[in-house]
All heavy atoms as atom14 arrays in JSON, in Angstrom:
{
  "sequence": "NVIEIAAEYDPDSRGGDPADGRKVKGATLHWVDAATALDAEVRLYD",
  "atom14_mask": [
    [1, 1, 1, 1, 1, 1, 1, 1, 0, 0, 0, 0, 0, 0],
    [1, 1, 1, 1, 1, 1, 1, 0, 0, 0, 0, 0, 0, 0],
    [1, 1, 1, 1, 1, 1, 1, 1, 0, 0, 0, 0, 0, 0],
    [1, 1, 1, 1, 1, 1, 1, 1, 1, 0, 0, 0, 0, 0],
    [1, 1, 1, 1, 1, 1, 1, 1, 0, 0, 0, 0, 0, 0],
    [1, 1, 1, 1, 1, 0, 0, 0, 0, 0, 0, 0, 0, 0],
    [1, 1, 1, 1, 1, 0, 0, 0, 0, 0, 0, 0, 0, 0],
    [1, 1, 1, 1, 1, 1, 1, 1, 1, 0, 0, 0, 0, 0],
    [1, 1, 1, 1, 1, 1, 1, 1, 1, 1, 1, 1, 0, 0],
    [1, 1, 1, 1, 1, 1, 1, 1, 0, 0, 0, 0, 0, 0],
    [1, 1, 1, 1, 1, 1, 1, 0, 0, 0, 0, 0, 0, 0],
    [1, 1, 1, 1, 1, 1, 1, 1, 0, 0, 0, 0, 0, 0],
    [1, 1, 1, 1, 1, 1, 0, 0, 0, 0, 0, 0, 0, 0],
    [1, 1, 1, 1, 1, 1, 1, 1, 1, 1, 1, 0, 0, 0],
    [1, 1, 1, 1, 0, 0, 0, 0, 0, 0, 0, 0, 0, 0],
    [1, 1, 1, 1, 0, 0, 0, 0, 0, 0, 0, 0, 0, 0],
    [1, 1, 1, 1, 1, 1, 1, 1, 0, 0, 0, 0, 0, 0],
    [1, 1, 1, 1, 1, 1, 1, 0, 0, 0, 0, 0, 0, 0],
    [1, 1, 1, 1, 1, 0, 0, 0, 0, 0, 0, 0, 0, 0],
    [1, 1, 1, 1, 1, 1, 1, 1, 0, 0, 0, 0, 0, 0],
    [1, 1, 1, 1, 0, 0, 0, 0, 0, 0, 0, 0, 0, 0],
    [1, 1, 1, 1, 1, 1, 1, 1, 1, 1, 1, 0, 0, 0],
    [1, 1, 1, 1, 1, 1, 1, 1, 1, 0, 0, 0, 0, 0],
    [1, 1, 1, 1, 1, 1, 1, 0, 0, 0, 0, 0, 0, 0],
    [1, 1, 1, 1, 1, 1, 1, 1, 1, 0, 0, 0, 0, 0],
    [1, 1, 1, 1, 0, 0, 0, 0, 0, 0, 0, 0, 0, 0],
    [1, 1, 1, 1, 1, 0, 0, 0, 0, 0, 0, 0, 0, 0],
    [1, 1, 1, 1, 1, 1, 1, 0, 0, 0, 0, 0, 0, 0],
    [1, 1, 1, 1, 1, 1, 1, 1, 0, 0, 0, 0, 0, 0],
    [1, 1, 1, 1, 1, 1, 1, 1, 1, 1, 0, 0, 0, 0],
    [1, 1, 1, 1, 1, 1, 1, 1, 1, 1, 1, 1, 1, 1],
    [1, 1, 1, 1, 1, 1, 1, 0, 0, 0, 0, 0, 0, 0],
    [1, 1, 1, 1, 1, 1, 1, 1, 0, 0, 0, 0, 0, 0],
    [1, 1, 1, 1, 1, 0, 0, 0, 0, 0, 0, 0, 0, 0],
    [1, 1, 1, 1, 1, 0, 0, 0, 0, 0, 0, 0, 0, 0],
    [1, 1, 1, 1, 1, 1, 1, 0, 0, 0, 0, 0, 0, 0],
    [1, 1, 1, 1, 1, 0, 0, 0, 0, 0, 0, 0, 0, 0],
    [1, 1, 1, 1, 1, 1, 1, 1, 0, 0, 0, 0, 0, 0],
    [1, 1, 1, 1, 1, 1, 1, 1, 0, 0, 0, 0, 0, 0],
    [1, 1, 1, 1, 1, 0, 0, 0, 0, 0, 0, 0, 0, 0],
    [1, 1, 1, 1, 1, 1, 1, 1, 1, 0, 0, 0, 0, 0],
    [1, 1, 1, 1, 1, 1, 1, 0, 0, 0, 0, 0, 0, 0],
    [1, 1, 1, 1, 1, 1, 1, 1, 1, 1, 1, 0, 0, 0],
    [1, 1, 1, 1, 1, 1, 1, 1, 0, 0, 0, 0, 0, 0],
    [1, 1, 1, 1, 1, 1, 1, 1, 1, 1, 1, 1, 0, 0],
    [1, 1, 1, 1, 1, 1, 1, 1, 0, 0, 0, 0, 0, 0]
  ],
  "atom14_positions": [
    [[-75.91, -45.79, 137.18], [-75.63, -45.11, 135.92], [-74.12, -44.94, 135.73], [-73.42, -44.57, 136.67], [-76.28, -43.72, 135.9], [-77.79, -43.8, 136.05], [-78.45, -44.55, 135.33], [-78.32, -43.03, 136.99], [0.0, 0.0, 0.0], [0.0, 0.0, 0.0], [0.0, 0.0, 0.0], [0.0, 0.0, 0.0], [0.0, 0.0, 0.0], [0.0, 0.0, 0.0]],
    [[-73.65, -45.21, 134.53], [-72.24, -45.06, 134.22], [-71.88, -43.58, 134.24], [-72.52, -42.76, 133.57], [-71.89, -45.68, 132.86], [-70.41, -45.45, 132.54], [-72.22, -47.16, 132.84], [0.0, 0.0, 0.0], [0.0, 0.0, 0.0], [0.0, 0.0, 0.0], [0.0, 0.0, 0.0], [0.0, 0.0, 0.0], [0.0, 0.0, 0.0], [0.0, 0.0, 0.0]],
    [[-70.88, -43.21, 135.02], [-70.47, -41.81, 135.11], [-69.04, -41.59, 134.63], [-68.63, -40.45, 134.43], [-70.62, -41.3, 136.55], [-69.8, -42.15, 137.52], [-72.09, -41.25, 136.96], [-69.75, -41.61, 138.95], [0.0, 0.0, 0.0], [0.0, 0.0, 0.0], [0.0, 0.0, 0.0], [0.0, 0.0, 0.0], [0.0, 0.0, 0.0], [0.0, 0.0, 0.0]],
    [[-68.28, -42.67, 134.47], [-66.89, -42.5, 134.04], [-66.39, -43.8, 133.41], [-66.71, -44.89, 133.87], [-66.01, -42.12, 135.23], [-64.59, -41.74, 134.86], [-63.82, -41.2, 136.07], [-64.16, -40.09, 136.54], [-62.93, -41.9, 136.57], [0.0, 0.0, 0.0], [0.0, 0.0, 0.0], [0.0, 0.0, 0.0], [0.0, 0.0, 0.0], [0.0, 0.0, 0.0]],
    [[-65.63, -43.62, 132.33], [-65.05, -44.77, 131.64], [-63.54, -44.73, 131.85], [-62.92, -43.66, 131.8], [-65.34, -44.71, 130.13], [-66.85, -44.55, 129.87], [-64.82, -45.96, 129.41], [-67.17, -44.12, 128.44], [0.0, 0.0, 0.0], [0.0, 0.0, 0.0], [0.0, 0.0, 0.0], [0.0, 0.0, 0.0], [0.0, 0.0, 0.0], [0.0, 0.0, 0.0]],
    [[-62.95, -45.87, 132.09], [-61.49, -45.96, 132.23], [-60.93, -46.65, 131.0], [-61.49, -47.61, 130.47], [-61.13, -46.73, 133.49], [0.0, 0.0, 0.0], [0.0, 0.0, 0.0], [0.0, 0.0, 0.0], [0.0, 0.0, 0.0], [0.0, 0.0, 0.0], [0.0, 0.0, 0.0], [0.0, 0.0, 0.0], [0.0, 0.0, 0.0], [0.0, 0.0, 0.0]],
    [[-59.79, -46.14, 130.52], [-59.15, -46.72, 129.34], [-57.66, -46.56, 129.46], [-57.15, -45.72, 130.23], [-59.67, -46.06, 128.07], [0.0, 0.0, 0.0], [0.0, 0.0, 0.0], [0.0, 0.0, 0.0], [0.0, 0.0, 0.0], [0.0, 0.0, 0.0], [0.0, 0.0, 0.0], [0.0, 0.0, 0.0], [0.0, 0.0, 0.0], [0.0, 0.0, 0.0]],
    [[-56.93, -47.35, 128.69], [-55.49, -47.21, 128.57], [-55.15, -46.91, 127.12], [-55.84, -47.37, 126.2], [-54.79, -48.51, 129.01], [-54.95, -48.8, 130.5], [-54.23, -50.07, 130.92], [-53.77, -50.82, 130.01], [-54.14, -50.33, 132.14], [0.0, 0.0, 0.0], [0.0, 0.0, 0.0], [0.0, 0.0, 0.0], [0.0, 0.0, 0.0], [0.0, 0.0, 0.0]],
    [[-54.1, -46.11, 126.93], [-53.72, -45.75, 125.56], [-52.39, -46.37, 125.2], [-51.6, -46.78, 126.06], [-53.67, -44.23, 125.42], [-52.37, -43.56, 125.81], [-51.61, -42.84, 124.88], [-51.87, -43.63, 127.13], [-50.42, -42.22, 125.24], [-50.69, -43.01, 127.48], [-49.96, -42.31, 126.53], [-48.79, -41.69, 126.89], [0.0, 0.0, 0.0], [0.0, 0.0, 0.0]],
    [[-52.15, -46.47, 123.91], [-50.88, -46.96, 123.39], [-50.01, -45.75, 123.06], [-50.29, -45.03, 122.08], [-51.12, -47.8, 122.13], [-49.81, -48.28, 121.49], [-48.74, -47.97, 122.03], [-49.91, -48.92, 120.42], [0.0, 0.0, 0.0], [0.0, 0.0, 0.0], [0.0, 0.0, 0.0], [0.0, 0.0, 0.0], [0.0, 0.0, 0.0], [0.0, 0.0, 0.0]],
    [[-48.96, -45.48, 123.82], [-48.12, -44.3, 123.58], [-47.47, -44.31, 122.21], [-47.07, -43.25, 121.69], [-47.07, -44.36, 124.7], [-47.68, -45.25, 125.74], [-48.51, -46.24, 125.0], [0.0, 0.0, 0.0], [0.0, 0.0, 0.0], [0.0, 0.0, 0.0], [0.0, 0.0, 0.0], [0.0, 0.0, 0.0], [0.0, 0.0, 0.0], [0.0, 0.0, 0.0]],
    [[-47.36, -45.49, 121.58], [-46.71, -45.6, 120.27], [-47.73, -45.54, 119.13], [-47.45, -46.03, 118.02], [-45.92, -46.91, 120.2], [-44.77, -46.93, 121.19], [-44.18, -45.85, 121.44], [-44.49, -48.01, 121.74], [0.0, 0.0, 0.0], [0.0, 0.0, 0.0], [0.0, 0.0, 0.0], [0.0, 0.0, 0.0], [0.0, 0.0, 0.0], [0.0, 0.0, 0.0]],
    [[-48.87, -44.95, 119.39], [-49.89, -44.88, 118.33], [-50.31, -43.44, 118.05], [-51.42, -43.19, 117.59], [-51.12, -45.7, 118.72], [-51.73, -45.17, 119.9], [0.0, 0.0, 0.0], [0.0, 0.0, 0.0], [0.0, 0.0, 0.0], [0.0, 0.0, 0.0], [0.0, 0.0, 0.0], [0.0, 0.0, 0.0], [0.0, 0.0, 0.0], [0.0, 0.0, 0.0]],
    [[-49.4, -42.51, 118.32], [-49.74, -41.09, 118.11], [-50.2, -40.87, 116.68], [-49.57, -41.33, 115.74], [-48.53, -40.21, 118.43], [-48.82, -38.72, 118.29], [-47.61, -37.87, 118.61], [-47.83, -36.48, 118.22], [-48.44, -35.57, 118.95], [-48.86, -35.89, 120.15], [-48.62, -34.34, 118.5], [0.0, 0.0, 0.0], [0.0, 0.0, 0.0], [0.0, 0.0, 0.0]],
    [[-51.28, -40.14, 116.52], [-51.87, -39.92, 115.21], [-52.91, -40.97, 114.85], [-53.61, -40.85, 113.85], [0.0, 0.0, 0.0], [0.0, 0.0, 0.0], [0.0, 0.0, 0.0], [0.0, 0.0, 0.0], [0.0, 0.0, 0.0], [0.0, 0.0, 0.0], [0.0, 0.0, 0.0], [0.0, 0.0, 0.0], [0.0, 0.0, 0.0], [0.0, 0.0, 0.0]],
    [[-52.99, -42.03, 115.68], [-54.02, -43.03, 115.47], [-53.57, -44.29, 114.77], [-54.37, -45.2, 114.54], [0.0, 0.0, 0.0], [0.0, 0.0, 0.0], [0.0, 0.0, 0.0], [0.0, 0.0, 0.0], [0.0, 0.0, 0.0], [0.0, 0.0, 0.0], [0.0, 0.0, 0.0], [0.0, 0.0, 0.0], [0.0, 0.0, 0.0], [0.0, 0.0, 0.0]],
    [[-52.27, -44.39, 114.46], [-51.76, -45.59, 113.78], [-50.75, -46.3, 114.68], [-49.77, -45.68, 115.12], [-51.1, -45.22, 112.45], [-52.11, -44.68, 111.44], [-53.19, -45.29, 111.35], [-51.82, -43.68, 110.77], [0.0, 0.0, 0.0], [0.0, 0.0, 0.0], [0.0, 0.0, 0.0], [0.0, 0.0, 0.0], [0.0, 0.0, 0.0], [0.0, 0.0, 0.0]],
    [[-50.95, -47.59, 114.96], [-50.01, -48.32, 115.83], [-48.65, -48.49, 115.15], [-48.56, -48.68, 113.94], [-50.7, -49.66, 116.03], [-51.59, -49.82, 114.83], [-52.05, -48.44, 114.49], [0.0, 0.0, 0.0], [0.0, 0.0, 0.0], [0.0, 0.0, 0.0], [0.0, 0.0, 0.0], [0.0, 0.0, 0.0], [0.0, 0.0, 0.0], [0.0, 0.0, 0.0]],
    [[-47.6, -48.4, 115.95], [-46.24, -48.5, 115.41], [-45.97, -49.84, 114.77], [-45.2, -49.95, 113.8], [-45.23, -48.22, 116.53], [0.0, 0.0, 0.0], [0.0, 0.0, 0.0], [0.0, 0.0, 0.0], [0.0, 0.0, 0.0], [0.0, 0.0, 0.0], [0.0, 0.0, 0.0], [0.0, 0.0, 0.0], [0.0, 0.0, 0.0], [0.0, 0.0, 0.0]],
    [[-46.59, -50.9, 115.29], [-46.33, -52.24, 114.75], [-47.24, -52.59, 113.57], [-47.17, -53.69, 113.03], [-46.46, -53.3, 115.84], [-47.87, -53.32, 116.45], [-48.77, -52.6, 115.94], [-48.06, -54.05, 117.45], [0.0, 0.0, 0.0], [0.0, 0.0, 0.0], [0.0, 0.0, 0.0], [0.0, 0.0, 0.0], [0.0, 0.0, 0.0], [0.0, 0.0, 0.0]],
    [[-48.11, -51.65, 113.18], [-48.96, -51.87, 112.01], [-50.11, -52.82, 112.23], [-50.76, -53.24, 111.27], [0.0, 0.0, 0.0], [0.0, 0.0, 0.0], [0.0, 0.0, 0.0], [0.0, 0.0, 0.0], [0.0, 0.0, 0.0], [0.0, 0.0, 0.0], [0.0, 0.0, 0.0], [0.0, 0.0, 0.0], [0.0, 0.0, 0.0], [0.0, 0.0, 0.0]],
    [[-50.41, -53.17, 113.48], [-51.51, -54.1, 113.73], [-52.86, -53.5, 113.3], [-53.04, -52.29, 113.28], [-51.56, -54.49, 115.21], [-51.93, -53.36, 116.17], [-51.85, -53.84, 117.62], [-52.2, -52.78, 118.57], [-51.37, -51.85, 119.0], [-50.11, -51.82, 118.55], [-51.78, -50.93, 119.88], [0.0, 0.0, 0.0], [0.0, 0.0, 0.0], [0.0, 0.0, 0.0]],
    [[-53.77, -54.39, 113.0], [-55.09, -53.97, 112.55], [-55.94, -53.54, 113.74], [-55.99, -54.24, 114.76], [-55.77, -55.12, 111.81], [-57.12, -54.75, 111.2], [-57.72, -55.91, 110.43], [-59.06, -55.53, 109.83], [-59.67, -56.66, 109.07], [0.0, 0.0, 0.0], [0.0, 0.0, 0.0], [0.0, 0.0, 0.0], [0.0, 0.0, 0.0], [0.0, 0.0, 0.0]],
    [[-56.61, -52.42, 113.61], [-57.49, -51.91, 114.66], [-58.92, -52.32, 114.32], [-59.45, -51.95, 113.28], [-57.38, -50.37, 114.78], [-58.32, -49.87, 115.87], [-55.95, -49.96, 115.07], [0.0, 0.0, 0.0], [0.0, 0.0, 0.0], [0.0, 0.0, 0.0], [0.0, 0.0, 0.0], [0.0, 0.0, 0.0], [0.0, 0.0, 0.0], [0.0, 0.0, 0.0]],
    [[-59.52, -53.09, 115.21], [-60.85, -53.63, 114.94], [-61.99, -52.72, 115.44], [-63.12, -52.87, 115.02], [-60.98, -55.01, 115.59], [-60.01, -56.04, 115.02], [-60.18, -57.38, 115.7], [-59.18, -58.4, 115.14], [-59.34, -59.74, 115.79], [0.0, 0.0, 0.0], [0.0, 0.0, 0.0], [0.0, 0.0, 0.0], [0.0, 0.0, 0.0], [0.0, 0.0, 0.0]],
    [[-61.66, -51.82, 116.35], [-62.71, -50.95, 116.9], [-62.98, -49.73, 116.04], [-62.31, -49.47, 115.03], [0.0, 0.0, 0.0], [0.0, 0.0, 0.0], [0.0, 0.0, 0.0], [0.0, 0.0, 0.0], [0.0, 0.0, 0.0], [0.0, 0.0, 0.0], [0.0, 0.0, 0.0], [0.0, 0.0, 0.0], [0.0, 0.0, 0.0], [0.0, 0.0, 0.0]],
    [[-63.94, -48.95, 116.46], [-64.37, -47.77, 115.72], [-63.46, -46.58, 115.99], [-62.65, -46.59, 116.92], [-65.81, -47.42, 116.11], [0.0, 0.0, 0.0], [0.0, 0.0, 0.0], [0.0, 0.0, 0.0], [0.0, 0.0, 0.0], [0.0, 0.0, 0.0], [0.0, 0.0, 0.0], [0.0, 0.0, 0.0], [0.0, 0.0, 0.0], [0.0, 0.0, 0.0]],
    [[-63.6, -45.56, 115.14], [-62.93, -44.28, 115.37], [-63.91, -43.37, 116.09], [-65.04, -43.16, 115.62], [-62.49, -43.64, 114.05], [-61.53, -44.5, 113.41], [-61.85, -42.28, 114.29], [0.0, 0.0, 0.0], [0.0, 0.0, 0.0], [0.0, 0.0, 0.0], [0.0, 0.0, 0.0], [0.0, 0.0, 0.0], [0.0, 0.0, 0.0], [0.0, 0.0, 0.0]],
    [[-63.5, -42.84, 117.23], [-64.38, -42.04, 118.07], [-63.94, -40.59, 118.1], [-62.75, -40.27, 118.08], [-64.38, -42.59, 119.51], [-64.58, -44.11, 119.66], [-64.5, -44.48, 121.14], [-65.9, -44.55, 119.06], [0.0, 0.0, 0.0], [0.0, 0.0, 0.0], [0.0, 0.0, 0.0], [0.0, 0.0, 0.0], [0.0, 0.0, 0.0], [0.0, 0.0, 0.0]],
    [[-64.93, -39.68, 118.14], [-64.58, -38.27, 118.34], [-64.56, -37.99, 119.84], [-65.16, -38.74, 120.64], [-65.56, -37.35, 117.61], [-66.97, -37.41, 118.11], [-67.84, -38.42, 117.77], [-67.67, -36.58, 118.94], [-69.01, -38.22, 118.34], [-68.93, -37.11, 119.07], [0.0, 0.0, 0.0], [0.0, 0.0, 0.0], [0.0, 0.0, 0.0], [0.0, 0.0, 0.0]],
    [[-63.9, -36.93, 120.23], [-63.66, -36.64, 121.64], [-63.38, -35.15, 121.8], [-63.1, -34.44, 120.83], [-62.46, -37.44, 122.15], [-61.23, -37.23, 121.28], [-60.93, -37.91, 120.14], [-60.22, -36.23, 121.45], [-59.77, -37.41, 119.57], [-59.31, -36.39, 120.36], [-59.96, -35.25, 122.4], [-58.19, -35.58, 120.2], [-58.84, -34.44, 122.26], [-57.97, -34.62, 121.16]],
    [[-63.4, -34.69, 123.03], [-63.02, -33.32, 123.33], [-62.23, -33.34, 124.63], [-62.58, -34.03, 125.6], [-64.26, -32.41, 123.49], [-63.84, -30.99, 123.86], [-65.09, -32.37, 122.21], [0.0, 0.0, 0.0], [0.0, 0.0, 0.0], [0.0, 0.0, 0.0], [0.0, 0.0, 0.0], [0.0, 0.0, 0.0], [0.0, 0.0, 0.0], [0.0, 0.0, 0.0]],
    [[-61.15, -32.59, 124.68], [-60.31, -32.5, 125.87], [-61.08, -31.84, 127.01], [-61.58, -30.71, 126.87], [-59.06, -31.69, 125.53], [-58.1, -31.57, 126.7], [-58.25, -32.34, 127.66], [-57.21, -30.69, 126.66], [0.0, 0.0, 0.0], [0.0, 0.0, 0.0], [0.0, 0.0, 0.0], [0.0, 0.0, 0.0], [0.0, 0.0, 0.0], [0.0, 0.0, 0.0]],
    [[-61.2, -32.52, 128.12], [-61.96, -31.98, 129.25], [-61.36, -30.7, 129.81], [-62.08, -29.85, 130.35], [-62.07, -33.04, 130.35], [0.0, 0.0, 0.0], [0.0, 0.0, 0.0], [0.0, 0.0, 0.0], [0.0, 0.0, 0.0], [0.0, 0.0, 0.0], [0.0, 0.0, 0.0], [0.0, 0.0, 0.0], [0.0, 0.0, 0.0], [0.0, 0.0, 0.0]],
    [[-60.05, -30.54, 129.67], [-59.39, -29.37, 130.24], [-59.7, -28.1, 129.48], [-59.63, -27.0, 130.05], [-57.88, -29.61, 130.29], [0.0, 0.0, 0.0], [0.0, 0.0, 0.0], [0.0, 0.0, 0.0], [0.0, 0.0, 0.0], [0.0, 0.0, 0.0], [0.0, 0.0, 0.0], [0.0, 0.0, 0.0], [0.0, 0.0, 0.0], [0.0, 0.0, 0.0]],
    [[-60.01, -28.21, 128.21], [-60.22, -27.01, 127.37], [-61.61, -26.94, 126.75], [-61.94, -25.97, 126.07], [-59.18, -26.96, 126.25], [-59.29, -28.15, 125.45], [-57.77, -26.85, 126.8], [0.0, 0.0, 0.0], [0.0, 0.0, 0.0], [0.0, 0.0, 0.0], [0.0, 0.0, 0.0], [0.0, 0.0, 0.0], [0.0, 0.0, 0.0], [0.0, 0.0, 0.0]],
    [[-62.43, -27.96, 126.97], [-63.75, -28.01, 126.34], [-64.63, -26.83, 126.76], [-64.52, -26.32, 127.87], [-64.44, -29.33, 126.69], [0.0, 0.0, 0.0], [0.0, 0.0, 0.0], [0.0, 0.0, 0.0], [0.0, 0.0, 0.0], [0.0, 0.0, 0.0], [0.0, 0.0, 0.0], [0.0, 0.0, 0.0], [0.0, 0.0, 0.0], [0.0, 0.0, 0.0]],
    [[-65.5, -26.43, 125.86], [-66.47, -25.38, 126.12], [-67.86, -25.99, 126.25], [-68.22, -26.92, 125.51], [-66.47, -24.35, 124.98], [-65.15, -23.65, 124.7], [-65.27, -22.81, 123.43], [-64.72, -22.78, 125.87], [0.0, 0.0, 0.0], [0.0, 0.0, 0.0], [0.0, 0.0, 0.0], [0.0, 0.0, 0.0], [0.0, 0.0, 0.0], [0.0, 0.0, 0.0]],
    [[-68.64, -25.45, 127.18], [-70.03, -25.89, 127.29], [-70.86, -25.26, 126.17], [-70.62, -24.12, 125.77], [-70.62, -25.49, 128.64], [-70.1, -26.35, 129.78], [-69.8, -27.54, 129.52], [-69.99, -25.85, 130.92], [0.0, 0.0, 0.0], [0.0, 0.0, 0.0], [0.0, 0.0, 0.0], [0.0, 0.0, 0.0], [0.0, 0.0, 0.0], [0.0, 0.0, 0.0]],
    [[-71.84, -26.01, 125.7], [-72.7, -25.49, 124.65], [-74.1, -26.09, 124.76], [-74.29, -27.19, 125.3], [-72.12, -25.8, 123.27], [0.0, 0.0, 0.0], [0.0, 0.0, 0.0], [0.0, 0.0, 0.0], [0.0, 0.0, 0.0], [0.0, 0.0, 0.0], [0.0, 0.0, 0.0], [0.0, 0.0, 0.0], [0.0, 0.0, 0.0], [0.0, 0.0, 0.0]],
    [[-75.06, -25.34, 124.28], [-76.42, -25.86, 124.1], [-76.57, -26.24, 122.63], [-76.14, -25.49, 121.74], [-77.44, -24.77, 124.45], [-78.89, -25.16, 124.21], [-79.84, -24.03, 124.52], [-79.69, -23.4, 125.6], [-80.75, -23.76, 123.7], [0.0, 0.0, 0.0], [0.0, 0.0, 0.0], [0.0, 0.0, 0.0], [0.0, 0.0, 0.0], [0.0, 0.0, 0.0]],
    [[-77.14, -27.4, 122.38], [-77.31, -27.87, 121.01], [-78.79, -28.17, 120.78], [-79.44, -28.83, 121.59], [-76.47, -29.13, 120.73], [-76.78, -29.71, 119.36], [-74.97, -28.79, 120.83], [0.0, 0.0, 0.0], [0.0, 0.0, 0.0], [0.0, 0.0, 0.0], [0.0, 0.0, 0.0], [0.0, 0.0, 0.0], [0.0, 0.0, 0.0], [0.0, 0.0, 0.0]],
    [[-79.3, -27.64, 119.67], [-80.71, -27.83, 119.34], [-80.83, -28.75, 118.12], [-80.29, -28.45, 117.05], [-81.37, -26.48, 119.06], [-81.32, -25.55, 120.27], [-81.72, -24.12, 119.93], [-81.64, -23.27, 121.12], [-81.84, -21.95, 121.1], [-82.13, -21.33, 119.95], [-81.75, -21.25, 122.21], [0.0, 0.0, 0.0], [0.0, 0.0, 0.0], [0.0, 0.0, 0.0]],
    [[-81.52, -29.84, 118.31], [-81.7, -30.84, 117.26], [-83.12, -30.7, 116.7], [-84.1, -30.78, 117.45], [-81.49, -32.26, 117.8], [-80.15, -32.49, 118.52], [-80.1, -33.93, 119.02], [-78.98, -32.2, 117.61], [0.0, 0.0, 0.0], [0.0, 0.0, 0.0], [0.0, 0.0, 0.0], [0.0, 0.0, 0.0], [0.0, 0.0, 0.0], [0.0, 0.0, 0.0]],
    [[-83.21, -30.48, 115.39], [-84.51, -30.23, 114.77], [-84.96, -31.4, 113.91], [-84.16, -32.07, 113.26], [-84.43, -28.97, 113.9], [-84.17, -27.72, 114.7], [-82.88, -27.18, 114.8], [-85.2, -27.08, 115.38], [-82.63, -26.04, 115.54], [-84.96, -25.93, 116.12], [-83.68, -25.42, 116.2], [-83.44, -24.29, 116.95], [0.0, 0.0, 0.0], [0.0, 0.0, 0.0]],
    [[-86.27, -31.59, 113.89], [-86.89, -32.56, 113.01], [-88.03, -31.84, 112.3], [-88.27, -30.65, 112.53], [-87.4, -33.76, 113.81], [-87.64, -35.0, 112.95], [-87.57, -34.86, 111.71], [-87.89, -36.08, 113.5], [0.0, 0.0, 0.0], [0.0, 0.0, 0.0], [0.0, 0.0, 0.0], [0.0, 0.0, 0.0], [0.0, 0.0, 0.0], [0.0, 0.0, 0.0]]
  ]
}
């Protein structure tokens, strides 16, 4: 089972836009900082 993903970031893309204006082909992902994240229970209803 996958337990951890490794990635590299572009330091010149702060805010989500690359400095050289290149086109980003991947999706926009939401995230939460592990250092400050809060645990929560979430209930999904149908």
